[in-house]
Amino acid sequence: MTDLSITYCRPCGYEKRAREAAALLRERLGLDPELLPGKGGVFEIKLDGKVIAKRVKGHFSDAAEIVTAVAAARA
């Protein structure tokens, strides 16, 4: 069993990005990530407790990049 989560800042409006990434993860990898609302500008993808992608100043991973990072982390 894979523990996959996407924590997103609800006040910042990142829920749409989180839902898009979750949909693509389901479609391409058959994974159903848990969506966790947060605050403080967070957008972070964790696989089995390890951060594999996150928003950093100057870069915001799109859904395809997130799928690639999750696939690579599972390999």
PDB file of N, CA and C in Angstrom:
ATOM      1  N   MET A   1       0.851  -1.189   0.000  1.00  0.00           N
ATOM      2  CA  MET A   1       0.000   0.000   0.000  1.00  0.00           C
ATOM      3  C   MET A   1       0.887   1.239   0.000  1.00  0.00           C
ATOM      4  N   THR A   2       0.566   2.177  -0.852  1.00  0.00           N
ATOM      5  CA  THR A   2       1.316   3.413  -0.964  1.00  0.00           C
ATOM      6  C   THR A   2       0.557   4.533  -0.279  1.00  0.00           C
ATOM      7  N   ASP A   3       1.267   5.266   0.589  1.00  0.00           N
ATOM      8  CA  ASP A   3       0.674   6.406   1.282  1.00  0.00           C
ATOM      9  C   ASP A   3       1.062   7.664   0.521  1.00  0.00           C
ATOM     10  N   LEU A   4       0.108   8.247  -0.190  1.00  0.00           N
ATOM     11  CA  LEU A   4       0.366   9.413  -1.019  1.00  0.00           C
ATOM     12  C   LEU A   4      -0.577  10.534  -0.603  1.00  0.00           C
ATOM     13  N   SER A   5      -0.010  11.723  -0.383  1.00  0.00           N
ATOM     14  CA  SER A   5      -0.843  12.857   0.006  1.00  0.00           C
ATOM     15  C   SER A   5      -0.395  14.127  -0.701  1.00  0.00           C
ATOM     16  N   ILE A   6      -1.350  15.016  -0.883  1.00  0.00           N
ATOM     17  CA  ILE A   6      -1.083  16.344  -1.416  1.00  0.00           C
ATOM     18  C   ILE A   6      -1.637  17.332  -0.405  1.00  0.00           C
ATOM     19  N   THR A   7      -0.752  18.116   0.194  1.00  0.00           N
ATOM     20  CA  THR A   7      -1.152  19.156   1.131  1.00  0.00           C
ATOM     21  C   THR A   7      -1.106  20.478   0.375  1.00  0.00           C
ATOM     22  N   TYR A   8      -2.200  21.210   0.439  1.00  0.00           N
ATOM     23  CA  TYR A   8      -2.301  22.450  -0.330  1.00  0.00           C
ATOM     24  C   TYR A   8      -2.846  23.580   0.542  1.00  0.00           C
ATOM     25  N   CYS A   9      -2.466  24.795   0.207  1.00  0.00           N
ATOM     26  CA  CYS A   9      -2.941  25.972   0.927  1.00  0.00           C
ATOM     27  C   CYS A   9      -4.325  26.341   0.400  1.00  0.00           C
ATOM     28  N   ARG A  10      -5.313  26.167   1.243  1.00  0.00           N
ATOM     29  CA  ARG A  10      -6.681  26.501   0.839  1.00  0.00           C
ATOM     30  C   ARG A  10      -6.854  28.016   0.672  1.00  0.00           C
ATOM     31  N   PRO A  11      -6.380  28.853   1.628  1.00  0.00           N
ATOM     32  CA  PRO A  11      -6.552  30.305   1.448  1.00  0.00           C
ATOM     33  C   PRO A  11      -5.869  30.853   0.189  1.00  0.00           C
ATOM     34  N   CYS A  12      -4.803  30.207  -0.261  1.00  0.00           N
ATOM     35  CA  CYS A  12      -4.081  30.668  -1.454  1.00  0.00           C
ATOM     36  C   CYS A  12      -4.767  30.249  -2.750  1.00  0.00           C
ATOM     37  N   GLY A  13      -5.742  29.350  -2.651  1.00  0.00           N
ATOM     38  CA  GLY A  13      -6.450  28.893  -3.843  1.00  0.00           C
ATOM     39  C   GLY A  13      -5.759  27.763  -4.579  1.00  0.00           C
ATOM     40  N   TYR A  14      -4.969  26.948  -3.870  1.00  0.00           N
ATOM     41  CA  TYR A  14      -4.235  25.853  -4.512  1.00  0.00           C
ATOM     42  C   TYR A  14      -5.036  24.558  -4.620  1.00  0.00           C
ATOM     43  N   GLU A  15      -6.278  24.568  -4.155  1.00  0.00           N
ATOM     44  CA  GLU A  15      -7.080  23.337  -4.191  1.00  0.00           C
ATOM     45  C   GLU A  15      -7.274  22.833  -5.619  1.00  0.00           C
ATOM     46  N   LYS A  16      -7.496  23.727  -6.567  1.00  0.00           N
ATOM     47  CA  LYS A  16      -7.706  23.309  -7.961  1.00  0.00           C
ATOM     48  C   LYS A  16      -6.465  22.574  -8.473  1.00  0.00           C
ATOM     49  N   ARG A  17      -5.271  23.103  -8.196  1.00  0.00           N
ATOM     50  CA  ARG A  17      -4.026  22.440  -8.610  1.00  0.00           C
ATOM     51  C   ARG A  17      -3.916  21.058  -7.972  1.00  0.00           C
ATOM     52  N   ALA A  18      -4.269  20.969  -6.702  1.00  0.00           N
ATOM     53  CA  ALA A  18      -4.189  19.689  -5.990  1.00  0.00           C
ATOM     54  C   ALA A  18      -5.144  18.673  -6.612  1.00  0.00           C
ATOM     55  N   ARG A  19      -6.346  19.101  -6.933  1.00  0.00           N
ATOM     56  CA  ARG A  19      -7.337  18.199  -7.539  1.00  0.00           C
ATOM     57  C   ARG A  19      -6.907  17.757  -8.943  1.00  0.00           C
ATOM     58  N   GLU A  20      -6.321  18.677  -9.702  1.00  0.00           N
ATOM     59  CA  GLU A  20      -5.833  18.320 -11.039  1.00  0.00           C
ATOM     60  C   GLU A  20      -4.703  17.296 -10.951  1.00  0.00           C
ATOM     61  N   ALA A  21      -3.782  17.501 -10.019  1.00  0.00           N
ATOM     62  CA  ALA A  21      -2.678  16.557  -9.838  1.00  0.00           C
ATOM     63  C   ALA A  21      -3.213  15.198  -9.391  1.00  0.00           C
ATOM     64  N   ALA A  22      -4.174  15.201  -8.477  1.00  0.00           N
ATOM     65  CA  ALA A  22      -4.756  13.946  -7.990  1.00  0.00           C
ATOM     66  C   ALA A  22      -5.433  13.189  -9.129  1.00  0.00           C
ATOM     67  N   ALA A  23      -6.154  13.903  -9.975  1.00  0.00           N
ATOM     68  CA  ALA A  23      -6.842  13.258 -11.103  1.00  0.00           C
ATOM     69  C   ALA A  23      -5.834  12.620 -12.059  1.00  0.00           C
ATOM     70  N   LEU A  24      -4.741  13.313 -12.334  1.00  0.00           N
ATOM     71  CA  LEU A  24      -3.730  12.771 -13.242  1.00  0.00           C
ATOM     72  C   LEU A  24      -2.997  11.589 -12.611  1.00  0.00           C
ATOM     73  N   LEU A  25      -2.765  11.630 -11.316  1.00  0.00           N
ATOM     74  CA  LEU A  25      -2.141  10.498 -10.619  1.00  0.00           C
ATOM     75  C   LEU A  25      -3.044   9.267 -10.687  1.00  0.00           C
ATOM     76  N   ARG A  26      -4.349   9.465 -10.539  1.00  0.00           N
ATOM     77  CA  ARG A  26      -5.301   8.350 -10.656  1.00  0.00           C
ATOM     78  C   ARG A  26      -5.284   7.788 -12.073  1.00  0.00           C
ATOM     79  N   GLU A  27      -5.326   8.691 -13.045  1.00  0.00           N
ATOM     80  CA  GLU A  27      -5.391   8.278 -14.448  1.00  0.00           C
ATOM     81  C   GLU A  27      -4.125   7.553 -14.900  1.00  0.00           C
ATOM     82  N   ARG A  28      -2.969   8.095 -14.583  1.00  0.00           N
ATOM     83  CA  ARG A  28      -1.716   7.549 -15.113  1.00  0.00           C
ATOM     84  C   ARG A  28      -1.068   6.484 -14.253  1.00  0.00           C
ATOM     85  N   LEU A  29      -1.225   6.578 -12.923  1.00  0.00           N
ATOM     86  CA  LEU A  29      -0.540   5.630 -12.042  1.00  0.00           C
ATOM     87  C   LEU A  29      -1.488   4.775 -11.198  1.00  0.00           C
ATOM     88  N   GLY A  30      -2.778   5.039 -11.291  1.00  0.00           N
ATOM     89  CA  GLY A  30      -3.739   4.278 -10.511  1.00  0.00           C
ATOM     90  C   GLY A  30      -3.655   4.550  -9.017  1.00  0.00           C
ATOM     91  N   LEU A  31      -3.141   5.718  -8.643  1.00  0.00           N
ATOM     92  CA  LEU A  31      -3.008   6.085  -7.234  1.00  0.00           C
ATOM     93  C   LEU A  31      -4.063   7.121  -6.876  1.00  0.00           C
ATOM     94  N   ASP A  32      -4.550   7.045  -5.646  1.00  0.00           N
ATOM     95  CA  ASP A  32      -5.572   7.970  -5.177  1.00  0.00           C
ATOM     96  C   ASP A  32      -5.024   8.737  -3.970  1.00  0.00           C
ATOM     97  N   PRO A  33      -4.371   9.882  -4.215  1.00  0.00           N
ATOM     98  CA  PRO A  33      -3.773  10.616  -3.106  1.00  0.00           C
ATOM     99  C   PRO A  33      -4.820  11.242  -2.183  1.00  0.00           C
ATOM    100  N   GLU A  34      -4.464  11.360  -0.930  1.00  0.00           N
ATOM    101  CA  GLU A  34      -5.301  12.053   0.041  1.00  0.00           C
ATOM    102  C   GLU A  34      -5.026  13.549  -0.108  1.00  0.00           C
ATOM    103  N   LEU A  35      -6.090  14.336  -0.214  1.00  0.00           N
ATOM    104  CA  LEU A  35      -5.946  15.788  -0.314  1.00  0.00           C
ATOM    105  C   LEU A  35      -6.111  16.388   1.073  1.00  0.00           C
ATOM    106  N   LEU A  36      -5.103  17.134   1.507  1.00  0.00           N
ATOM    107  CA  LEU A  36      -5.082  17.699   2.849  1.00  0.00           C
ATOM    108  C   LEU A  36      -5.011  19.220   2.783  1.00  0.00           C
ATOM    109  N   PRO A  37      -6.074  19.919   3.180  1.00  0.00           N
ATOM    110  CA  PRO A  37      -6.018  21.377   3.177  1.00  0.00           C
ATOM    111  C   PRO A  37      -5.059  21.881   4.251  1.00  0.00           C
ATOM    112  N   GLY A  38      -4.353  22.935   3.906  1.00  0.00           N
ATOM    113  CA  GLY A  38      -3.420  23.547   4.849  1.00  0.00           C
ATOM    114  C   GLY A  38      -3.453  25.047   4.687  1.00  0.00           C
ATOM    115  N   LYS A  39      -2.392  25.703   5.137  1.00  0.00           N
ATOM    116  CA  LYS A  39      -2.294  27.152   4.994  1.00  0.00           C
ATOM    117  C   LYS A  39      -0.829  27.542   4.952  1.00  0.00           C
ATOM    118  N   GLY A  40      -0.565  28.808   4.818  1.00  0.00           N
ATOM    119  CA  GLY A  40       0.811  29.286   4.813  1.00  0.00           C
ATOM    120  C   GLY A  40       1.530  29.099   3.490  1.00  0.00           C
ATOM    121  N   GLY A  41       0.781  28.957   2.386  1.00  0.00           N
ATOM    122  CA  GLY A  41       1.394  28.833   1.072  1.00  0.00           C
ATOM    123  C   GLY A  41       1.903  27.448   0.729  1.00  0.00           C
ATOM    124  N   VAL A  42       1.531  26.443   1.510  1.00  0.00           N
ATOM    125  CA  VAL A  42       2.038  25.092   1.299  1.00  0.00           C
ATOM    126  C   VAL A  42       1.416  24.430   0.058  1.00  0.00           C
ATOM    127  N   PHE A  43       2.240  23.704  -0.675  1.00  0.00           N
ATOM    128  CA  PHE A  43       1.807  22.790  -1.724  1.00  0.00           C
ATOM    129  C   PHE A  43       2.884  21.721  -1.768  1.00  0.00           C
ATOM    130  N   GLU A  44       2.559  20.554  -1.213  1.00  0.00           N
ATOM    131  CA  GLU A  44       3.578  19.536  -0.976  1.00  0.00           C
ATOM    132  C   GLU A  44       3.008  18.150  -1.260  1.00  0.00           C
ATOM    133  N   ILE A  45       3.776  17.354  -1.979  1.00  0.00           N
ATOM    134  CA  ILE A  45       3.373  15.987  -2.288  1.00  0.00           C
ATOM    135  C   ILE A  45       4.288  15.054  -1.521  1.00  0.00           C
ATOM    136  N   LYS A  46       3.681  14.154  -0.722  1.00  0.00           N
ATOM    137  CA  LYS A  46       4.444  13.191   0.066  1.00  0.00           C
ATOM    138  C   LYS A  46       4.076  11.777  -0.355  1.00  0.00           C
ATOM    139  N   LEU A  47       5.097  10.954  -0.475  1.00  0.00           N
ATOM    140  CA  LEU A  47       4.932   9.541  -0.774  1.00  0.00           C
ATOM    141  C   LEU A  47       5.583   8.763   0.357  1.00  0.00           C
ATOM    142  N   ASP A  48       4.778   7.995   1.070  1.00  0.00           N
ATOM    143  CA  ASP A  48       5.255   7.216   2.217  1.00  0.00           C
ATOM    144  C   ASP A  48       6.050   8.084   3.201  1.00  0.00           C
ATOM    145  N   GLY A  49       5.536   9.296   3.456  1.00  0.00           N
ATOM    146  CA  GLY A  49       6.125  10.190   4.446  1.00  0.00           C
ATOM    147  C   GLY A  49       7.287  11.038   3.957  1.00  0.00           C
ATOM    148  N   LYS A  50       7.719  10.816   2.722  1.00  0.00           N
ATOM    149  CA  LYS A  50       8.861  11.559   2.173  1.00  0.00           C
ATOM    150  C   LYS A  50       8.361  12.601   1.161  1.00  0.00           C
ATOM    151  N   VAL A  51       8.811  13.839   1.309  1.00  0.00           N
ATOM    152  CA  VAL A  51       8.427  14.898   0.373  1.00  0.00           C
ATOM    153  C   VAL A  51       9.118  14.640  -0.960  1.00  0.00           C
ATOM    154  N   ILE A  52       8.317  14.526  -2.018  1.00  0.00           N
ATOM    155  CA  ILE A  52       8.911  14.274  -3.335  1.00  0.00           C
ATOM    156  C   ILE A  52       8.723  15.434  -4.297  1.00  0.00           C
ATOM    157  N   ALA A  53       7.824  16.350  -3.975  1.00  0.00           N
ATOM    158  CA  ALA A  53       7.636  17.557  -4.780  1.00  0.00           C
ATOM    159  C   ALA A  53       6.973  18.601  -3.901  1.00  0.00           C
ATOM    160  N   LYS A  54       7.314  19.864  -4.139  1.00  0.00           N
ATOM    161  CA  LYS A  54       6.675  20.938  -3.394  1.00  0.00           C
ATOM    162  C   LYS A  54       6.863  22.258  -4.116  1.00  0.00           C
ATOM    163  N   ARG A  55       6.037  23.204  -3.733  1.00  0.00           N
ATOM    164  CA  ARG A  55       6.152  24.556  -4.286  1.00  0.00           C
ATOM    165  C   ARG A  55       7.346  25.225  -3.638  1.00  0.00           C
ATOM    166  N   VAL A  56       8.168  25.800  -4.460  1.00  0.00           N
ATOM    167  CA  VAL A  56       9.306  26.571  -3.962  1.00  0.00           C
ATOM    168  C   VAL A  56       9.274  27.925  -4.664  1.00  0.00           C
ATOM    169  N   LYS A  57       9.908  28.890  -4.074  1.00  0.00           N
ATOM    170  CA  LYS A  57       9.915  30.227  -4.657  1.00  0.00           C
ATOM    171  C   LYS A  57      10.437  30.156  -6.087  1.00  0.00           C
ATOM    172  N   GLY A  58       9.639  30.661  -7.003  1.00  0.00           N
ATOM    173  CA  GLY A  58      10.041  30.671  -8.397  1.00  0.00           C
ATOM    174  C   GLY A  58       9.605  29.459  -9.200  1.00  0.00           C
ATOM    175  N   HIS A  59       9.084  28.404  -8.551  1.00  0.00           N
ATOM    176  CA  HIS A  59       8.639  27.222  -9.299  1.00  0.00           C
ATOM    177  C   HIS A  59       7.457  26.544  -8.611  1.00  0.00           C
ATOM    178  N   PHE A  60       6.477  26.212  -9.416  1.00  0.00           N
ATOM    179  CA  PHE A  60       5.288  25.511  -8.935  1.00  0.00           C
ATOM    180  C   PHE A  60       5.102  24.318  -9.865  1.00  0.00           C
ATOM    181  N   SER A  61       5.355  23.108  -9.384  1.00  0.00           N
ATOM    182  CA  SER A  61       5.238  21.900 -10.211  1.00  0.00           C
ATOM    183  C   SER A  61       3.829  21.774 -10.770  1.00  0.00           C
ATOM    184  N   ASP A  62       3.732  21.457 -12.059  1.00  0.00           N
ATOM    185  CA  ASP A  62       2.421  21.203 -12.636  1.00  0.00           C
ATOM    186  C   ASP A  62       2.072  19.724 -12.446  1.00  0.00           C
ATOM    187  N   ALA A  63       0.865  19.347 -12.838  1.00  0.00           N
ATOM    188  CA  ALA A  63       0.383  17.980 -12.610  1.00  0.00           C
ATOM    189  C   ALA A  63       1.283  16.941 -13.268  1.00  0.00           C
ATOM    190  N   ALA A  64       1.754  17.211 -14.489  1.00  0.00           N
ATOM    191  CA  ALA A  64       2.612  16.250 -15.190  1.00  0.00           C
ATOM    192  C   ALA A  64       3.941  16.057 -14.458  1.00  0.00           C
ATOM    193  N   GLU A  65       4.515  17.128 -13.943  1.00  0.00           N
ATOM    194  CA  GLU A  65       5.768  17.026 -13.180  1.00  0.00           C
ATOM    195  C   GLU A  65       5.561  16.217 -11.898  1.00  0.00           C
ATOM    196  N   ILE A  66       4.417  16.400 -11.280  1.00  0.00           N
ATOM    197  CA  ILE A  66       4.110  15.660 -10.054  1.00  0.00           C
ATOM    198  C   ILE A  66       4.000  14.168 -10.351  1.00  0.00           C
ATOM    199  N   VAL A  67       3.317  13.820 -11.428  1.00  0.00           N
ATOM    200  CA  VAL A  67       3.192  12.411 -11.817  1.00  0.00           C
ATOM    201  C   VAL A  67       4.572  11.817 -12.077  1.00  0.00           C
ATOM    202  N   THR A  68       5.430  12.540 -12.776  1.00  0.00           N
ATOM    203  CA  THR A  68       6.785  12.075 -13.063  1.00  0.00           C
ATOM    204  C   THR A  68       7.573  11.861 -11.771  1.00  0.00           C
ATOM    205  N   ALA A  69       7.459  12.796 -10.826  1.00  0.00           N
ATOM    206  CA  ALA A  69       8.178  12.676  -9.551  1.00  0.00           C
ATOM    207  C   ALA A  69       7.678  11.482  -8.744  1.00  0.00           C
ATOM    208  N   VAL A  70       6.378  11.255  -8.721  1.00  0.00           N
ATOM    209  CA  VAL A  70       5.815  10.117  -7.994  1.00  0.00           C
ATOM    210  C   VAL A  70       6.247   8.818  -8.647  1.00  0.00           C
ATOM    211  N   ALA A  71       6.191   8.749  -9.963  1.00  0.00           N
ATOM    212  CA  ALA A  71       6.612   7.525 -10.679  1.00  0.00           C
ATOM    213  C   ALA A  71       8.079   7.222 -10.405  1.00  0.00           C
ATOM    214  N   ALA A  72       8.928   8.238 -10.436  1.00  0.00           N
ATOM    215  CA  ALA A  72      10.355   8.050 -10.179  1.00  0.00           C
ATOM    216  C   ALA A  72      10.600   7.600  -8.749  1.00  0.00           C
ATOM    217  N   ALA A  73       9.870   8.147  -7.794  1.00  0.00           N
ATOM    218  CA  ALA A  73      10.046   7.778  -6.395  1.00  0.00           C
ATOM    219  C   ALA A  73       9.592   6.347  -6.115  1.00  0.00           C
ATOM    220  N   ARG A  74       8.644   5.860  -6.907  1.00  0.00           N
ATOM    221  CA  ARG A  74       8.149   4.490  -6.728  1.00  0.00           C
ATOM    222  C   ARG A  74       9.038   3.465  -7.398  1.00  0.00           C
ATOM    223  N   ALA A  75       9.873   3.894  -8.342  1.00  0.00           N
ATOM    224  CA  ALA A  75      10.712   2.953  -9.113  1.00  0.00           C
ATOM    225  C   ALA A  75      11.835   2.365  -8.280  1.00  0.00           C
TER     226      ALA A  75
END
